[in-house]
Amino acid sequence: MTASAIPGEPIDLQIADILREVHFPVNKDALVDIAREAGASNEVLSMLDGLPEQDYADVASVTRLIGGNYGPGLGA
């Protein structure tokens, strides 16, 4: 993944690209760190930072919460 490509992508694609790089299980702080290192937009960083403090077992556990908090198009 090239960090420079991420900020130009729609939010749902940015999140999908970031989650592909994650080795689950992972906690919220690690998700935010991975997104920041990947060059994610501030909006994506805010979305991930707004997730509950917990461990996430897989991509679906993250996207379910993001989709529930931020509307259609982001959930699994």
N, C-alpha and C. Protein backbone atom coordinates (compact mmCIF):
# COMPACT_ATOMS: atom_id res chain seq x y z
N MET A 1 0.86 -1.18 0.00
CA MET A 1 0.00 0.00 0.00
C MET A 1 0.90 1.23 0.00
N THR A 2 0.53 2.18 -0.83
CA THR A 2 1.28 3.41 -0.85
C THR A 2 0.53 4.47 -0.07
N ALA A 3 1.17 5.04 0.90
CA ALA A 3 0.51 6.01 1.77
C ALA A 3 0.00 7.20 0.99
N SER A 4 0.69 7.58 -0.07
CA SER A 4 0.27 8.76 -0.82
C SER A 4 -1.05 8.55 -1.53
N ALA A 5 -1.45 7.30 -1.79
CA ALA A 5 -2.70 7.03 -2.49
C ALA A 5 -3.90 7.13 -1.56
N ILE A 6 -3.70 6.94 -0.28
CA ILE A 6 -4.82 6.84 0.65
C ILE A 6 -5.63 8.13 0.79
N PRO A 7 -5.05 9.29 1.03
CA PRO A 7 -5.90 10.47 1.27
C PRO A 7 -6.84 10.83 0.11
N GLY A 8 -6.52 10.42 -1.12
CA GLY A 8 -7.38 10.72 -2.24
C GLY A 8 -8.54 9.76 -2.41
N GLU A 9 -8.55 8.69 -1.65
CA GLU A 9 -9.59 7.68 -1.78
C GLU A 9 -10.82 8.05 -0.96
N PRO A 10 -12.01 7.56 -1.36
CA PRO A 10 -13.19 7.72 -0.51
C PRO A 10 -12.93 7.08 0.86
N ILE A 11 -13.67 7.54 1.85
CA ILE A 11 -13.47 7.07 3.23
C ILE A 11 -13.55 5.55 3.34
N ASP A 12 -14.57 4.94 2.73
CA ASP A 12 -14.72 3.49 2.88
C ASP A 12 -13.55 2.74 2.26
N LEU A 13 -12.99 3.25 1.17
CA LEU A 13 -11.83 2.59 0.57
C LEU A 13 -10.58 2.80 1.41
N GLN A 14 -10.44 3.97 2.00
CA GLN A 14 -9.30 4.21 2.91
C GLN A 14 -9.33 3.19 4.04
N ILE A 15 -10.51 3.04 4.64
CA ILE A 15 -10.65 2.11 5.76
C ILE A 15 -10.36 0.68 5.31
N ALA A 16 -10.89 0.29 4.16
CA ALA A 16 -10.64 -1.07 3.65
C ALA A 16 -9.15 -1.30 3.42
N ASP A 17 -8.47 -0.31 2.84
CA ASP A 17 -7.03 -0.45 2.60
C ASP A 17 -6.26 -0.60 3.91
N ILE A 18 -6.64 0.19 4.90
CA ILE A 18 -5.97 0.13 6.20
C ILE A 18 -6.22 -1.21 6.87
N LEU A 19 -7.48 -1.67 6.86
CA LEU A 19 -7.81 -2.92 7.55
C LEU A 19 -7.13 -4.13 6.89
N ARG A 20 -6.83 -4.03 5.60
CA ARG A 20 -6.09 -5.12 4.93
C ARG A 20 -4.69 -5.27 5.49
N GLU A 21 -4.15 -4.20 6.06
CA GLU A 21 -2.79 -4.23 6.59
C GLU A 21 -2.72 -4.68 8.05
N VAL A 22 -3.87 -4.81 8.69
CA VAL A 22 -3.92 -5.09 10.13
C VAL A 22 -3.81 -6.59 10.39
N HIS A 23 -3.04 -6.94 11.40
CA HIS A 23 -2.95 -8.33 11.86
C HIS A 23 -3.83 -8.44 13.10
N PHE A 24 -4.98 -9.09 12.93
CA PHE A 24 -5.94 -9.23 14.03
C PHE A 24 -5.56 -10.39 14.92
N PRO A 25 -5.97 -10.37 16.20
CA PRO A 25 -6.71 -9.32 16.89
C PRO A 25 -5.85 -8.08 17.15
N VAL A 26 -6.55 -6.95 17.28
CA VAL A 26 -5.87 -5.67 17.47
C VAL A 26 -6.73 -4.77 18.35
N ASN A 27 -6.11 -3.88 19.11
CA ASN A 27 -6.91 -2.95 19.91
C ASN A 27 -7.07 -1.63 19.17
N LYS A 28 -7.94 -0.78 19.69
CA LYS A 28 -8.26 0.48 19.03
C LYS A 28 -7.03 1.34 18.83
N ASP A 29 -6.19 1.46 19.82
CA ASP A 29 -5.00 2.32 19.71
C ASP A 29 -4.08 1.85 18.59
N ALA A 30 -3.93 0.54 18.43
CA ALA A 30 -3.10 0.01 17.36
C ALA A 30 -3.72 0.31 16.00
N LEU A 31 -5.05 0.22 15.90
CA LEU A 31 -5.73 0.56 14.65
C LEU A 31 -5.45 2.01 14.25
N VAL A 32 -5.55 2.91 15.21
CA VAL A 32 -5.31 4.33 14.93
C VAL A 32 -3.85 4.52 14.51
N ASP A 33 -2.92 3.86 15.19
CA ASP A 33 -1.50 3.99 14.84
C ASP A 33 -1.23 3.48 13.43
N ILE A 34 -1.83 2.34 13.07
CA ILE A 34 -1.64 1.77 11.73
C ILE A 34 -2.18 2.73 10.68
N ALA A 35 -3.35 3.29 10.94
CA ALA A 35 -3.96 4.23 9.99
C ALA A 35 -3.10 5.48 9.84
N ARG A 36 -2.59 6.00 10.95
CA ARG A 36 -1.74 7.19 10.91
C ARG A 36 -0.48 6.92 10.09
N GLU A 37 0.16 5.77 10.33
CA GLU A 37 1.37 5.42 9.60
C GLU A 37 1.10 5.24 8.11
N ALA A 38 -0.13 4.82 7.76
CA ALA A 38 -0.50 4.61 6.37
C ALA A 38 -0.85 5.91 5.67
N GLY A 39 -0.94 7.00 6.42
CA GLY A 39 -1.26 8.29 5.83
C GLY A 39 -2.74 8.55 5.66
N ALA A 40 -3.57 7.90 6.48
CA ALA A 40 -5.01 8.08 6.39
C ALA A 40 -5.41 9.53 6.67
N SER A 41 -6.55 9.92 6.12
CA SER A 41 -7.05 11.28 6.33
C SER A 41 -7.43 11.49 7.79
N ASN A 42 -7.51 12.76 8.18
CA ASN A 42 -7.92 13.09 9.55
C ASN A 42 -9.32 12.55 9.84
N GLU A 43 -10.19 12.54 8.85
CA GLU A 43 -11.55 12.03 9.06
C GLU A 43 -11.53 10.54 9.42
N VAL A 44 -10.72 9.77 8.72
CA VAL A 44 -10.60 8.34 9.02
C VAL A 44 -9.98 8.14 10.40
N LEU A 45 -8.94 8.91 10.71
CA LEU A 45 -8.32 8.80 12.03
C LEU A 45 -9.33 9.10 13.13
N SER A 46 -10.16 10.11 12.93
CA SER A 46 -11.19 10.46 13.92
C SER A 46 -12.21 9.34 14.07
N MET A 47 -12.59 8.73 12.95
CA MET A 47 -13.56 7.63 13.01
C MET A 47 -13.00 6.47 13.81
N LEU A 48 -11.76 6.10 13.52
CA LEU A 48 -11.15 4.98 14.24
C LEU A 48 -10.92 5.33 15.71
N ASP A 49 -10.52 6.57 15.97
CA ASP A 49 -10.29 6.99 17.35
C ASP A 49 -11.59 7.02 18.15
N GLY A 50 -12.72 7.15 17.45
CA GLY A 50 -14.02 7.16 18.12
C GLY A 50 -14.57 5.78 18.45
N LEU A 51 -13.88 4.75 18.02
CA LEU A 51 -14.32 3.38 18.33
C LEU A 51 -14.14 3.10 19.82
N PRO A 52 -14.93 2.17 20.36
CA PRO A 52 -14.76 1.80 21.77
C PRO A 52 -13.38 1.19 22.04
N GLU A 53 -12.88 1.43 23.25
CA GLU A 53 -11.61 0.84 23.67
C GLU A 53 -11.84 -0.64 23.90
N GLN A 54 -11.41 -1.45 22.95
CA GLN A 54 -11.54 -2.90 23.08
C GLN A 54 -10.64 -3.57 22.07
N ASP A 55 -10.56 -4.90 22.16
CA ASP A 55 -9.82 -5.66 21.16
C ASP A 55 -10.79 -6.05 20.06
N TYR A 56 -10.33 -5.98 18.82
CA TYR A 56 -11.14 -6.32 17.66
C TYR A 56 -10.59 -7.61 17.06
N ALA A 57 -11.47 -8.58 16.88
CA ALA A 57 -11.06 -9.91 16.44
C ALA A 57 -10.80 -9.99 14.94
N ASP A 58 -11.52 -9.18 14.17
CA ASP A 58 -11.41 -9.29 12.71
C ASP A 58 -11.92 -8.01 12.05
N VAL A 59 -11.81 -7.96 10.73
CA VAL A 59 -12.24 -6.80 9.96
C VAL A 59 -13.72 -6.51 10.21
N ALA A 60 -14.54 -7.55 10.23
CA ALA A 60 -15.98 -7.35 10.39
C ALA A 60 -16.32 -6.68 11.71
N SER A 61 -15.57 -6.98 12.77
CA SER A 61 -15.87 -6.37 14.07
C SER A 61 -15.59 -4.87 14.06
N VAL A 62 -14.66 -4.43 13.23
CA VAL A 62 -14.37 -3.00 13.09
C VAL A 62 -15.39 -2.34 12.18
N THR A 63 -15.62 -2.92 11.00
CA THR A 63 -16.51 -2.28 10.04
C THR A 63 -17.95 -2.24 10.53
N ARG A 64 -18.35 -3.20 11.33
CA ARG A 64 -19.71 -3.20 11.89
C ARG A 64 -19.92 -1.96 12.75
N LEU A 65 -18.94 -1.64 13.59
CA LEU A 65 -19.05 -0.47 14.45
C LEU A 65 -18.94 0.82 13.66
N ILE A 66 -18.03 0.87 12.71
CA ILE A 66 -17.88 2.07 11.90
C ILE A 66 -19.16 2.31 11.11
N GLY A 67 -19.70 1.27 10.50
CA GLY A 67 -20.93 1.38 9.73
C GLY A 67 -22.09 1.81 10.58
N GLY A 68 -22.17 1.30 11.81
CA GLY A 68 -23.25 1.68 12.71
C GLY A 68 -23.14 3.11 13.17
N ASN A 69 -21.92 3.62 13.29
CA ASN A 69 -21.73 4.98 13.78
C ASN A 69 -21.76 6.04 12.68
N TYR A 70 -21.44 5.64 11.46
CA TYR A 70 -21.23 6.64 10.41
C TYR A 70 -22.09 6.45 9.18
N GLY A 71 -23.09 5.59 9.25
CA GLY A 71 -24.04 5.48 8.16
C GLY A 71 -23.73 4.42 7.14
N PRO A 72 -24.55 4.36 6.10
CA PRO A 72 -24.42 3.29 5.09
C PRO A 72 -23.14 3.42 4.29
N GLY A 73 -22.74 2.29 3.73
CA GLY A 73 -21.57 2.29 2.87
C GLY A 73 -20.28 1.93 3.58
N LEU A 74 -20.30 1.92 4.90
CA LEU A 74 -19.07 1.60 5.63
C LEU A 74 -19.17 0.29 6.39
N GLY A 75 -20.34 -0.28 6.48
CA GLY A 75 -20.51 -1.52 7.23
C GLY A 75 -20.33 -2.73 6.34
N ALA A 76 -20.15 -3.87 6.98
CA ALA A 76 -20.00 -5.11 6.23
C ALA A 76 -21.35 -5.70 5.90
